[in-house]
PDB file of N, CA and C in Angstrom:
ATOM      1  N   MET A   1       0.816  -1.174   0.000  1.00  0.00           N
ATOM      2  CA  MET A   1       0.000   0.000   0.000  1.00  0.00           C
ATOM      3  C   MET A   1       0.874   1.258   0.000  1.00  0.00           C
ATOM      4  N   ALA A   2       1.920   1.278   0.743  1.00  0.00           N
ATOM      5  CA  ALA A   2       2.831   2.412   0.794  1.00  0.00           C
ATOM      6  C   ALA A   2       3.499   2.610  -0.556  1.00  0.00           C
ATOM      7  N   VAL A   3       3.816   1.508  -1.211  1.00  0.00           N
ATOM      8  CA  VAL A   3       4.455   1.601  -2.522  1.00  0.00           C
ATOM      9  C   VAL A   3       3.462   2.182  -3.529  1.00  0.00           C
ATOM     10  N   ALA A   4       2.205   1.795  -3.431  1.00  0.00           N
ATOM     11  CA  ALA A   4       1.183   2.310  -4.340  1.00  0.00           C
ATOM     12  C   ALA A   4       0.973   3.801  -4.100  1.00  0.00           C
ATOM     13  N   LEU A   5       0.959   4.226  -2.843  1.00  0.00           N
ATOM     14  CA  LEU A   5       0.827   5.646  -2.532  1.00  0.00           C
ATOM     15  C   LEU A   5       2.032   6.444  -3.049  1.00  0.00           C
ATOM     16  N   PHE A   6       3.223   5.865  -2.887  1.00  0.00           N
ATOM     17  CA  PHE A   6       4.435   6.537  -3.354  1.00  0.00           C
ATOM     18  C   PHE A   6       4.422   6.654  -4.869  1.00  0.00           C
ATOM     19  N   ALA A   7       3.973   5.610  -5.580  1.00  0.00           N
ATOM     20  CA  ALA A   7       3.884   5.636  -7.036  1.00  0.00           C
ATOM     21  C   ALA A   7       2.858   6.677  -7.477  1.00  0.00           C
ATOM     22  N   ALA A   8       1.721   6.764  -6.776  1.00  0.00           N
ATOM     23  CA  ALA A   8       0.706   7.763  -7.096  1.00  0.00           C
ATOM     24  C   ALA A   8       1.255   9.164  -6.860  1.00  0.00           C
ATOM     25  N   PHE A   9       2.016   9.332  -5.776  1.00  0.00           N
ATOM     26  CA  PHE A   9       2.643  10.617  -5.467  1.00  0.00           C
ATOM     27  C   PHE A   9       3.611  11.026  -6.579  1.00  0.00           C
ATOM     28  N   LEU A  10       4.427  10.108  -7.037  1.00  0.00           N
ATOM     29  CA  LEU A  10       5.375  10.398  -8.115  1.00  0.00           C
ATOM     30  C   LEU A  10       4.648  10.753  -9.410  1.00  0.00           C
ATOM     31  N   ALA A  11       3.556  10.033  -9.695  1.00  0.00           N
ATOM     32  CA  ALA A  11       2.796  10.306 -10.921  1.00  0.00           C
ATOM     33  C   ALA A  11       2.164  11.692 -10.858  1.00  0.00           C
ATOM     34  N   LEU A  12       1.580  12.037  -9.703  1.00  0.00           N
ATOM     35  CA  LEU A  12       0.984  13.368  -9.553  1.00  0.00           C
ATOM     36  C   LEU A  12       2.042  14.465  -9.603  1.00  0.00           C
ATOM     37  N   THR A  13       3.188  14.214  -9.000  1.00  0.00           N
ATOM     38  CA  THR A  13       4.279  15.189  -9.018  1.00  0.00           C
ATOM     39  C   THR A  13       4.741  15.429 -10.449  1.00  0.00           C
ATOM     40  N   ALA A  14       4.901  14.356 -11.214  1.00  0.00           N
ATOM     41  CA  ALA A  14       5.317  14.488 -12.614  1.00  0.00           C
ATOM     42  C   ALA A  14       4.265  15.254 -13.411  1.00  0.00           C
ATOM     43  N   ALA A  15       2.998  15.002 -13.141  1.00  0.00           N
ATOM     44  CA  ALA A  15       1.930  15.710 -13.840  1.00  0.00           C
ATOM     45  C   ALA A  15       1.947  17.192 -13.500  1.00  0.00           C
ATOM     46  N   PHE A  16       2.132  17.525 -12.220  1.00  0.00           N
ATOM     47  CA  PHE A  16       2.186  18.929 -11.813  1.00  0.00           C
ATOM     48  C   PHE A  16       3.408  19.637 -12.402  1.00  0.00           C
ATOM     49  N   VAL A  17       4.539  18.946 -12.456  1.00  0.00           N
ATOM     50  CA  VAL A  17       5.744  19.541 -13.053  1.00  0.00           C
ATOM     51  C   VAL A  17       5.497  19.801 -14.542  1.00  0.00           C
ATOM     52  N   GLY A  18       4.865  18.849 -15.221  1.00  0.00           N
ATOM     53  CA  GLY A  18       4.550  19.033 -16.643  1.00  0.00           C
ATOM     54  C   GLY A  18       3.616  20.205 -16.863  1.00  0.00           C
ATOM     55  N   VAL A  19       2.590  20.334 -16.028  1.00  0.00           N
ATOM     56  CA  VAL A  19       1.643  21.446 -16.143  1.00  0.00           C
ATOM     57  C   VAL A  19       2.348  22.767 -15.855  1.00  0.00           C
ATOM     58  N   ALA A  20       3.210  22.795 -14.838  1.00  0.00           N
ATOM     59  CA  ALA A  20       3.936  24.020 -14.502  1.00  0.00           C
ATOM     60  C   ALA A  20       4.874  24.422 -15.639  1.00  0.00           C
ATOM     61  N   THR A  21       5.525  23.452 -16.250  1.00  0.00           N
ATOM     62  CA  THR A  21       6.422  23.733 -17.370  1.00  0.00           C
ATOM     63  C   THR A  21       5.643  24.299 -18.551  1.00  0.00           C
ATOM     64  N   GLN A  22       4.500  23.697 -18.851  1.00  0.00           N
ATOM     65  CA  GLN A  22       3.657  24.203 -19.929  1.00  0.00           C
ATOM     66  C   GLN A  22       3.166  25.614 -19.630  1.00  0.00           C
ATOM     67  N   THR A  23       2.791  25.852 -18.388  1.00  0.00           N
ATOM     68  CA  THR A  23       2.311  27.177 -17.993  1.00  0.00           C
ATOM     69  C   THR A  23       3.403  28.214 -18.177  1.00  0.00           C
ATOM     70  N   ASN A  24       4.639  27.880 -17.775  1.00  0.00           N
ATOM     71  CA  ASN A  24       5.757  28.818 -17.944  1.00  0.00           C
ATOM     72  C   ASN A  24       6.028  29.085 -19.426  1.00  0.00           C
ATOM     73  N   ALA A  25       5.976  28.024 -20.232  1.00  0.00           N
ATOM     74  CA  ALA A  25       6.214  28.197 -21.664  1.00  0.00           C
ATOM     75  C   ALA A  25       5.127  29.076 -22.281  1.00  0.00           C
ATOM     76  N   LEU A  26       3.884  28.840 -21.899  1.00  0.00           N
ATOM     77  CA  LEU A  26       2.789  29.658 -22.419  1.00  0.00           C
ATOM     78  C   LEU A  26       2.894  31.102 -21.936  1.00  0.00           C
ATOM     79  N   SER A  27       3.347  31.283 -20.697  1.00  0.00           N
ATOM     80  CA  SER A  27       3.529  32.647 -20.183  1.00  0.00           C
ATOM     81  C   SER A  27       4.603  33.384 -20.980  1.00  0.00           C
ATOM     82  N   ARG A  28       5.719  32.705 -21.268  1.00  0.00           N
ATOM     83  CA  ARG A  28       6.781  33.334 -22.063  1.00  0.00           C
ATOM     84  C   ARG A  28       6.282  33.657 -23.471  1.00  0.00           C
ATOM     85  N   GLU A  29       5.551  32.740 -24.061  1.00  0.00           N
ATOM     86  CA  GLU A  29       5.018  32.972 -25.401  1.00  0.00           C
ATOM     87  C   GLU A  29       4.020  34.131 -25.390  1.00  0.00           C
ATOM     88  N   GLY A  30       3.185  34.190 -24.354  1.00  0.00           N
ATOM     89  CA  GLY A  30       2.233  35.294 -24.224  1.00  0.00           C
ATOM     90  C   GLY A  30       2.942  36.623 -24.066  1.00  0.00           C
ATOM     91  N   ALA A  31       4.021  36.648 -23.259  1.00  0.00           N
ATOM     92  CA  ALA A  31       4.784  37.885 -23.075  1.00  0.00           C
ATOM     93  C   ALA A  31       5.436  38.315 -24.387  1.00  0.00           C
ATOM     94  N   ALA A  32       5.956  37.349 -25.145  1.00  0.00           N
ATOM     95  CA  ALA A  32       6.567  37.678 -26.436  1.00  0.00           C
ATOM     96  C   ALA A  32       5.513  38.236 -27.397  1.00  0.00           C
ATOM     97  N   LEU A  33       4.336  37.645 -27.398  1.00  0.00           N
ATOM     98  CA  LEU A  33       3.268  38.137 -28.272  1.00  0.00           C
ATOM     99  C   LEU A  33       2.785  39.522 -27.855  1.00  0.00           C
ATOM    100  N   ARG A  34       2.716  39.775 -26.547  1.00  0.00           N
ATOM    101  CA  ARG A  34       2.325  41.111 -26.084  1.00  0.00           C
ATOM    102  C   ARG A  34       3.373  42.150 -26.490  1.00  0.00           C
ATOM    103  N   ALA A  35       4.654  41.771 -26.390  1.00  0.00           N
ATOM    104  CA  ALA A  35       5.716  42.694 -26.804  1.00  0.00           C
ATOM    105  C   ALA A  35       5.631  42.961 -28.302  1.00  0.00           C
ATOM    106  N   GLU A  36       5.321  41.933 -29.076  1.00  0.00           N
ATOM    107  CA  GLU A  36       5.176  42.114 -30.523  1.00  0.00           C
ATOM    108  C   GLU A  36       3.981  43.012 -30.842  1.00  0.00           C
ATOM    109  N   ILE A  37       2.904  42.855 -30.087  1.00  0.00           N
ATOM    110  CA  ILE A  37       1.726  43.708 -30.280  1.00  0.00           C
ATOM    111  C   ILE A  37       2.065  45.160 -29.993  1.00  0.00           C
ATOM    112  N   VAL A  38       2.803  45.407 -28.919  1.00  0.00           N
ATOM    113  CA  VAL A  38       3.194  46.776 -28.573  1.00  0.00           C
ATOM    114  C   VAL A  38       4.078  47.356 -29.673  1.00  0.00           C
ATOM    115  N   ALA A  39       5.021  46.552 -30.165  1.00  0.00           N
ATOM    116  CA  ALA A  39       5.907  47.039 -31.229  1.00  0.00           C
ATOM    117  C   ALA A  39       5.110  47.369 -32.488  1.00  0.00           C
ATOM    118  N   LEU A  40       4.142  46.532 -32.820  1.00  0.00           N
ATOM    119  CA  LEU A  40       3.320  46.792 -33.998  1.00  0.00           C
ATOM    120  C   LEU A  40       2.427  48.017 -33.804  1.00  0.00           C
ATOM    121  N   GLN A  41       1.945  48.229 -32.570  1.00  0.00           N
ATOM    122  CA  GLN A  41       1.143  49.423 -32.301  1.00  0.00           C
ATOM    123  C   GLN A  41       1.984  50.687 -32.447  1.00  0.00           C
ATOM    124  N   VAL A  42       3.231  50.636 -31.973  1.00  0.00           N
ATOM    125  CA  VAL A  42       4.127  51.787 -32.120  1.00  0.00           C
ATOM    126  C   VAL A  42       4.385  52.049 -33.599  1.00  0.00           C
ATOM    127  N   LYS A  43       4.638  50.987 -34.356  1.00  0.00           N
ATOM    128  CA  LYS A  43       4.866  51.139 -35.796  1.00  0.00           C
ATOM    129  C   LYS A  43       3.628  51.727 -36.469  1.00  0.00           C
ATOM    130  N   HIS A  44       2.460  51.297 -36.038  1.00  0.00           N
ATOM    131  CA  HIS A  44       1.208  51.808 -36.584  1.00  0.00           C
ATOM    132  C   HIS A  44       1.071  53.306 -36.314  1.00  0.00           C
ATOM    133  N   VAL A  45       1.397  53.714 -35.104  1.00  0.00           N
ATOM    134  CA  VAL A  45       1.315  55.142 -34.755  1.00  0.00           C
ATOM    135  C   VAL A  45       2.298  55.945 -35.609  1.00  0.00           C
ATOM    136  N   VAL A  46       3.508  55.427 -35.781  1.00  0.00           N
ATOM    137  CA  VAL A  46       4.516  56.129 -36.588  1.00  0.00           C
ATOM    138  C   VAL A  46       4.043  56.245 -38.034  1.00  0.00           C
ATOM    139  N   LEU A  47       3.510  55.148 -38.580  1.00  0.00           N
ATOM    140  CA  LEU A  47       3.028  55.185 -39.962  1.00  0.00           C
ATOM    141  C   LEU A  47       1.824  56.108 -40.113  1.00  0.00           C
ATOM    142  N   ASP A  48       0.941  56.128 -39.116  1.00  0.00           N
ATOM    143  CA  ASP A  48      -0.193  57.055 -39.162  1.00  0.00           C
ATOM    144  C   ASP A  48       0.284  58.504 -39.156  1.00  0.00           C
ATOM    145  N   ALA A  49       1.296  58.791 -38.339  1.00  0.00           N
ATOM    146  CA  ALA A  49       1.831  60.155 -38.293  1.00  0.00           C
ATOM    147  C   ALA A  49       2.458  60.532 -39.630  1.00  0.00           C
ATOM    148  N   ALA A  50       3.192  59.596 -40.236  1.00  0.00           N
ATOM    149  CA  ALA A  50       3.810  59.871 -41.537  1.00  0.00           C
ATOM    150  C   ALA A  50       2.735  60.082 -42.600  1.00  0.00           C
ATOM    151  N   ALA A  51       1.679  59.270 -42.559  1.00  0.00           N
ATOM    152  CA  ALA A  51       0.587  59.426 -43.528  1.00  0.00           C
ATOM    153  C   ALA A  51      -0.124  60.756 -43.333  1.00  0.00           C
ATOM    154  N   ALA A  52      -0.340  61.150 -42.086  1.00  0.00           N
ATOM    155  CA  ALA A  52      -1.003  62.433 -41.812  1.00  0.00           C
ATOM    156  C   ALA A  52      -0.135  63.590 -42.296  1.00  0.00           C
ATOM    157  N   GLU A  53       1.177  63.482 -42.111  1.00  0.00           N
ATOM    158  CA  GLU A  53       2.080  64.543 -42.555  1.00  0.00           C
ATOM    159  C   GLU A  53       2.080  64.622 -44.074  1.00  0.00           C
ATOM    160  N   ARG A  54       1.966  63.474 -44.732  1.00  0.00           N
ATOM    161  CA  ARG A  54       1.982  63.465 -46.197  1.00  0.00           C
ATOM    162  C   ARG A  54       0.664  63.930 -46.797  1.00  0.00           C
ATOM    163  N   ARG A  55      -0.363  64.035 -45.989  1.00  0.00           N
ATOM    164  CA  ARG A  55      -1.646  64.545 -46.482  1.00  0.00           C
ATOM    165  C   ARG A  55      -1.731  66.066 -46.389  1.00  0.00           C
ATOM    166  N   THR A  56      -0.755  66.712 -45.777  1.00  0.00           N
ATOM    167  CA  THR A  56      -0.800  68.168 -45.640  1.00  0.00           C
ATOM    168  C   THR A  56      -0.497  68.831 -46.978  1.00  0.00           C
ATOM    169  N   GLU A  57      -1.021  70.019 -47.143  1.00  0.00           N
ATOM    170  CA  GLU A  57      -0.838  70.724 -48.408  1.00  0.00           C
ATOM    171  C   GLU A  57       0.619  71.120 -48.621  1.00  0.00           C
ATOM    172  N   SER A  58       1.311  71.494 -47.555  1.00  0.00           N
ATOM    173  CA  SER A  58       2.708  71.911 -47.722  1.00  0.00           C
ATOM    174  C   SER A  58       3.576  70.749 -48.207  1.00  0.00           C
ATOM    175  N   TYR A  59       3.316  69.543 -47.728  1.00  0.00           N
ATOM    176  CA  TYR A  59       4.081  68.377 -48.174  1.00  0.00           C
ATOM    177  C   TYR A  59       3.805  68.105 -49.655  1.00  0.00           C
ATOM    178  N   ILE A  60       2.536  68.189 -50.032  1.00  0.00           N
ATOM    179  CA  ILE A  60       2.166  67.926 -51.423  1.00  0.00           C
ATOM    180  C   ILE A  60       2.792  68.960 -52.349  1.00  0.00           C
ATOM    181  N   VAL A  61       2.786  70.219 -51.931  1.00  0.00           N
ATOM    182  CA  VAL A  61       3.385  71.282 -52.743  1.00  0.00           C
ATOM    183  C   VAL A  61       4.885  71.063 -52.866  1.00  0.00           C
ATOM    184  N   ASP A  62       5.539  70.713 -51.764  1.00  0.00           N
ATOM    185  CA  ASP A  62       6.988  70.473 -51.814  1.00  0.00           C
ATOM    186  C   ASP A  62       7.327  69.314 -52.744  1.00  0.00           C
ATOM    187  N   LYS A  63       6.566  68.233 -52.648  1.00  0.00           N
ATOM    188  CA  LYS A  63       6.813  67.086 -53.528  1.00  0.00           C
ATOM    189  C   LYS A  63       6.569  67.448 -54.984  1.00  0.00           C
ATOM    190  N   ALA A  64       5.531  68.229 -55.243  1.00  0.00           N
ATOM    191  CA  ALA A  64       5.242  68.643 -56.616  1.00  0.00           C
ATOM    192  C   ALA A  64       6.381  69.497 -57.157  1.00  0.00           C
ATOM    193  N   ARG A  65       6.925  70.367 -56.334  1.00  0.00           N
ATOM    194  CA  ARG A  65       8.036  71.212 -56.778  1.00  0.00           C
ATOM    195  C   ARG A  65       9.290  70.376 -57.045  1.00  0.00           C
ATOM    196  N   GLU A  66       9.480  69.283 -56.290  1.00  0.00           N
ATOM    197  CA  GLU A  66      10.614  68.400 -56.558  1.00  0.00           C
ATOM    198  C   GLU A  66      10.503  67.785 -57.952  1.00  0.00           C
ATOM    199  N   TYR A  67       9.292  67.565 -58.423  1.00  0.00           N
ATOM    200  CA  TYR A  67       9.067  67.006 -59.753  1.00  0.00           C
ATOM    201  C   TYR A  67       8.824  68.091 -60.805  1.00  0.00           C
ATOM    202  N   ASP A  68       9.192  69.321 -60.470  1.00  0.00           N
ATOM    203  CA  ASP A  68       9.127  70.466 -61.376  1.00  0.00           C
ATOM    204  C   ASP A  68       7.710  70.852 -61.786  1.00  0.00           C
ATOM    205  N   TYR A  69       6.745  70.626 -60.939  1.00  0.00           N
ATOM    206  CA  TYR A  69       5.398  71.129 -61.189  1.00  0.00           C
ATOM    207  C   TYR A  69       5.274  72.511 -60.567  1.00  0.00           C
ATOM    208  N   VAL A  70       4.474  73.350 -61.177  1.00  0.00           N
ATOM    209  CA  VAL A  70       4.248  74.688 -60.646  1.00  0.00           C
ATOM    210  C   VAL A  70       2.759  74.932 -60.530  1.00  0.00           C
ATOM    211  N   ARG A  71       2.399  75.917 -59.724  1.00  0.00           N
ATOM    212  CA  ARG A  71       0.996  76.303 -59.571  1.00  0.00           C
ATOM    213  C   ARG A  71       0.607  77.256 -60.689  1.00  0.00           C
ATOM    214  N   PRO A  72      -0.687  77.464 -60.865  1.00  0.00           N
ATOM    215  CA  PRO A  72      -1.110  78.455 -61.874  1.00  0.00           C
ATOM    216  C   PRO A  72      -0.506  79.826 -61.558  1.00  0.00           C
ATOM    217  N   ASN A  73      -0.154  80.554 -62.586  1.00  0.00           N
ATOM    218  CA  ASN A  73       0.441  81.896 -62.495  1.00  0.00           C
ATOM    219  C   ASN A  73       1.850  81.877 -61.901  1.00  0.00           C
ATOM    220  N   GLU A  74       2.509  80.741 -61.880  1.00  0.00           N
ATOM    221  CA  GLU A  74       3.903  80.645 -61.431  1.00  0.00           C
ATOM    222  C   GLU A  74       4.757  80.232 -62.622  1.00  0.00           C
ATOM    223  N   SER A  75       6.031  80.547 -62.538  1.00  0.00           N
ATOM    224  CA  SER A  75       6.971  80.152 -63.586  1.00  0.00           C
ATOM    225  C   SER A  75       8.109  79.371 -62.950  1.00  0.00           C
ATOM    226  N   LEU A  76       8.674  78.483 -63.724  1.00  0.00           N
ATOM    227  CA  LEU A  76       9.802  77.681 -63.260  1.00  0.00           C
ATOM    228  C   LEU A  76      11.079  78.298 -63.801  1.00  0.00           C
ATOM    229  N   ILE A  77      11.978  78.656 -62.917  1.00  0.00           N
ATOM    230  CA  ILE A  77      13.237  79.277 -63.302  1.00  0.00           C
ATOM    231  C   ILE A  77      14.355  78.397 -62.777  1.00  0.00           C
ATOM    232  N   THR A  78      15.316  78.089 -63.638  1.00  0.00           N
ATOM    233  CA  THR A  78      16.496  77.343 -63.193  1.00  0.00           C
ATOM    234  C   THR A  78      17.711  78.229 -63.373  1.00  0.00           C
ATOM    235  N   ILE A  79      18.612  78.130 -62.444  1.00  0.00           N
ATOM    236  CA  ILE A  79      19.841  78.912 -62.476  1.00  0.00           C
ATOM    237  C   ILE A  79      21.000  77.936 -62.568  1.00  0.00           C
ATOM    238  N   GLN A  80      21.837  78.128 -63.572  1.00  0.00           N
ATOM    239  CA  GLN A  80      22.994  77.269 -63.734  1.00  0.00           C
ATOM    240  C   GLN A  80      24.242  78.059 -63.399  1.00  0.00           C
ATOM    241  N   GLN A  81      25.162  77.398 -62.739  1.00  0.00           N
ATOM    242  CA  GLN A  81      26.424  78.044 -62.415  1.00  0.00           C
ATOM    243  C   GLN A  81      27.389  77.847 -63.574  1.00  0.00           C
ATOM    244  N   ALA A  82      28.210  78.843 -63.776  1.00  0.00           N
ATOM    245  CA  ALA A  82      29.234  78.729 -64.810  1.00  0.00           C
ATOM    246  C   ALA A  82      30.297  77.747 -64.330  1.00  0.00           C
ATOM    247  N   PRO A  83      30.837  76.943 -65.218  1.00  0.00           N
ATOM    248  CA  PRO A  83      31.869  75.999 -64.800  1.00  0.00           C
ATOM    249  C   PRO A  83      33.113  76.742 -64.342  1.00  0.00           C
ATOM    250  N   THR A  84      33.755  76.235 -63.326  1.00  0.00           N
ATOM    251  CA  THR A  84      34.964  76.871 -62.801  1.00  0.00           C
ATOM    252  C   THR A  84      36.156  76.407 -63.628  1.00  0.00           C
ATOM    253  N   PRO A  85      37.018  77.332 -64.003  1.00  0.00           N
ATOM    254  CA  PRO A  85      38.197  76.930 -64.792  1.00  0.00           C
ATOM    255  C   PRO A  85      39.157  76.126 -63.924  1.00  0.00           C
ATOM    256  N   ARG A  86      39.710  75.100 -64.531  1.00  0.00           N
ATOM    257  CA  ARG A  86      40.676  74.263 -63.805  1.00  0.00           C
ATOM    258  C   ARG A  86      42.060  74.500 -64.390  1.00  0.00           C
ATOM    259  N   ALA A  87      43.049  74.355 -63.538  1.00  0.00           N
ATOM    260  CA  ALA A  87      44.425  74.484 -63.994  1.00  0.00           C
ATOM    261  C   ALA A  87      44.757  73.283 -64.872  1.00  0.00           C
ATOM    262  N   ASP A  88      45.428  73.522 -65.949  1.00  0.00           N
ATOM    263  CA  ASP A  88      45.798  72.450 -66.867  1.00  0.00           C
ATOM    264  C   ASP A  88      47.232  72.028 -66.564  1.00  0.00           C
ATOM    265  N   PRO A  89      47.433  70.846 -65.951  1.00  0.00           N
ATOM    266  CA  PRO A  89      48.795  70.439 -65.587  1.00  0.00           C
ATOM    267  C   PRO A  89      49.681  70.218 -66.807  1.00  0.00           C
ATOM    268  N   VAL A  90      49.116  69.869 -67.946  1.00  0.00           N
ATOM    269  CA  VAL A  90      49.923  69.650 -69.153  1.00  0.00           C
ATOM    270  C   VAL A  90      50.476  70.978 -69.656  1.00  0.00           C
ATOM    271  N   ALA A  91      49.618  72.015 -69.629  1.00  0.00           N
ATOM    272  CA  ALA A  91      50.077  73.331 -70.081  1.00  0.00           C
ATOM    273  C   ALA A  91      51.139  73.877 -69.138  1.00  0.00           C
ATOM    274  N   ASP A  92      51.000  73.650 -67.840  1.00  0.00           N
ATOM    275  CA  ASP A  92      51.999  74.116 -66.876  1.00  0.00           C
ATOM    276  C   ASP A  92      53.324  73.404 -67.098  1.00  0.00           C
ATOM    277  N   ALA A  93      53.265  72.110 -67.390  1.00  0.00           N
ATOM    278  CA  ALA A  93      54.496  71.359 -67.607  1.00  0.00           C
ATOM    279  C   ALA A  93      55.188  71.830 -68.875  1.00  0.00           C
ATOM    280  N   GLY A  94      54.396  72.195 -69.880  1.00  0.00           N
ATOM    281  CA  GLY A  94      54.979  72.669 -71.131  1.00  0.00           C
ATOM    282  C   GLY A  94      55.653  74.019 -70.961  1.00  0.00           C
ATOM    283  N   ALA A  95      55.205  74.815 -70.034  1.00  0.00           N
ATOM    284  CA  ALA A  95      55.774  76.140 -69.824  1.00  0.00           C
ATOM    285  C   ALA A  95      56.953  76.088 -68.875  1.00  0.00           C
ATOM    286  N   GLY A  96      57.366  74.920 -68.444  1.00  0.00           N
ATOM    287  CA  GLY A  96      58.518  74.818 -67.570  1.00  0.00           C
ATOM    288  C   GLY A  96      58.168  74.424 -66.160  1.00  0.00           C
ATOM    289  N   GLY A  97      56.916  74.416 -65.822  1.00  0.00           N
ATOM    290  CA  GLY A  97      56.495  73.971 -64.507  1.00  0.00           C
ATOM    291  C   GLY A  97      56.780  74.997 -63.430  1.00  0.00           C
ATOM    292  N   HIS A  98      56.708  74.534 -62.196  1.00  0.00           N
ATOM    293  CA  HIS A  98      56.866  75.430 -61.040  1.00  0.00           C
ATOM    294  C   HIS A  98      58.296  75.962 -60.913  1.00  0.00           C
ATOM    295  N   LEU A  99      59.266  75.121 -61.211  1.00  0.00           N
ATOM    296  CA  LEU A  99      60.664  75.541 -61.077  1.00  0.00           C
ATOM    297  C   LEU A  99      60.961  76.714 -62.012  1.00  0.00           C
ATOM    298  N   ALA A 100      60.449  76.634 -63.229  1.00  0.00           N
ATOM    299  CA  ALA A 100      60.685  77.727 -64.186  1.00  0.00           C
ATOM    300  C   ALA A 100      60.025  79.006 -63.709  1.00  0.00           C
ATOM    301  N   LYS A 101      58.848  78.887 -63.098  1.00  0.00           N
ATOM    302  CA  LYS A 101      58.168  80.080 -62.590  1.00  0.00           C
ATOM    303  C   LYS A 101      58.972  80.729 -61.466  1.00  0.00           C
ATOM    304  N   TRP A 102      59.530  79.885 -60.556  1.00  0.00           N
ATOM    305  CA  TRP A 102      60.327  80.438 -59.462  1.00  0.00           C
ATOM    306  C   TRP A 102      61.611  81.090 -59.990  1.00  0.00           C
ATOM    307  N   LEU A 103      62.249  80.442 -60.922  1.00  0.00           N
ATOM    308  CA  LEU A 103      63.465  81.024 -61.496  1.00  0.00           C
ATOM    309  C   LEU A 103      63.157  82.346 -62.183  1.00  0.00           C
ATOM    310  N   ALA A 104      62.031  82.396 -62.915  1.00  0.00           N
ATOM    311  CA  ALA A 104      61.650  83.631 -63.582  1.00  0.00           C
ATOM    312  C   ALA A 104      61.329  84.718 -62.574  1.00  0.00           C
ATOM    313  N   LEU A 105      60.735  84.334 -61.436  1.00  0.00           N
ATOM    314  CA  LEU A 105      60.375  85.302 -60.414  1.00  0.00           C
ATOM    315  C   LEU A 105      61.633  85.929 -59.799  1.00  0.00           C
ATOM    316  N   PHE A 106      62.626  85.095 -59.465  1.00  0.00           N
ATOM    317  CA  PHE A 106      63.798  85.606 -58.741  1.00  0.00           C
ATOM    318  C   PHE A 106      64.912  86.100 -59.653  1.00  0.00           C
ATOM    319  N   PHE A 107      65.048  85.522 -60.834  1.00  0.00           N
ATOM    320  CA  PHE A 107      66.167  85.881 -61.684  1.00  0.00           C
ATOM    321  C   PHE A 107      65.757  86.534 -62.982  1.00  0.00           C
ATOM    322  N   GLY A 108      64.487  86.743 -63.183  1.00  0.00           N
ATOM    323  CA  GLY A 108      64.002  87.376 -64.409  1.00  0.00           C
ATOM    324  C   GLY A 108      63.731  86.339 -65.481  1.00  0.00           C
ATOM    325  N   ALA A 109      62.988  86.740 -66.462  1.00  0.00           N
ATOM    326  CA  ALA A 109      62.626  85.824 -67.540  1.00  0.00           C
ATOM    327  C   ALA A 109      63.831  85.615 -68.441  1.00  0.00           C
ATOM    328  N   ARG A 110      64.050  84.446 -68.913  1.00  0.00           N
ATOM    329  CA  ARG A 110      65.201  84.172 -69.784  1.00  0.00           C
ATOM    330  C   ARG A 110      64.787  84.021 -71.195  1.00  0.00           C
TER     331      ARG A 110
END
């Protein structure tokens, strides 16, 4: 009888340990899912804010101007810069280079 009680005790203990392990696993999974829900809610709020900002008239006008659209009674003007002249190293070498310039500066042109 004592052996039967001990065997029943071991069986119940194993069952309780199994249930506790499952409960812990489900709790961890639930916590992970809640964290994922919070992250998705934050992403949703961020996307809603971006969508609301993109619905404003100033955003639409700025985007239209990026694509070169203008409003009625407006004109599109572009300003181009003149190219900056670059030193030509081949021409400098043909004229004697830096050494010739220094010699001409200190000793006169030859």
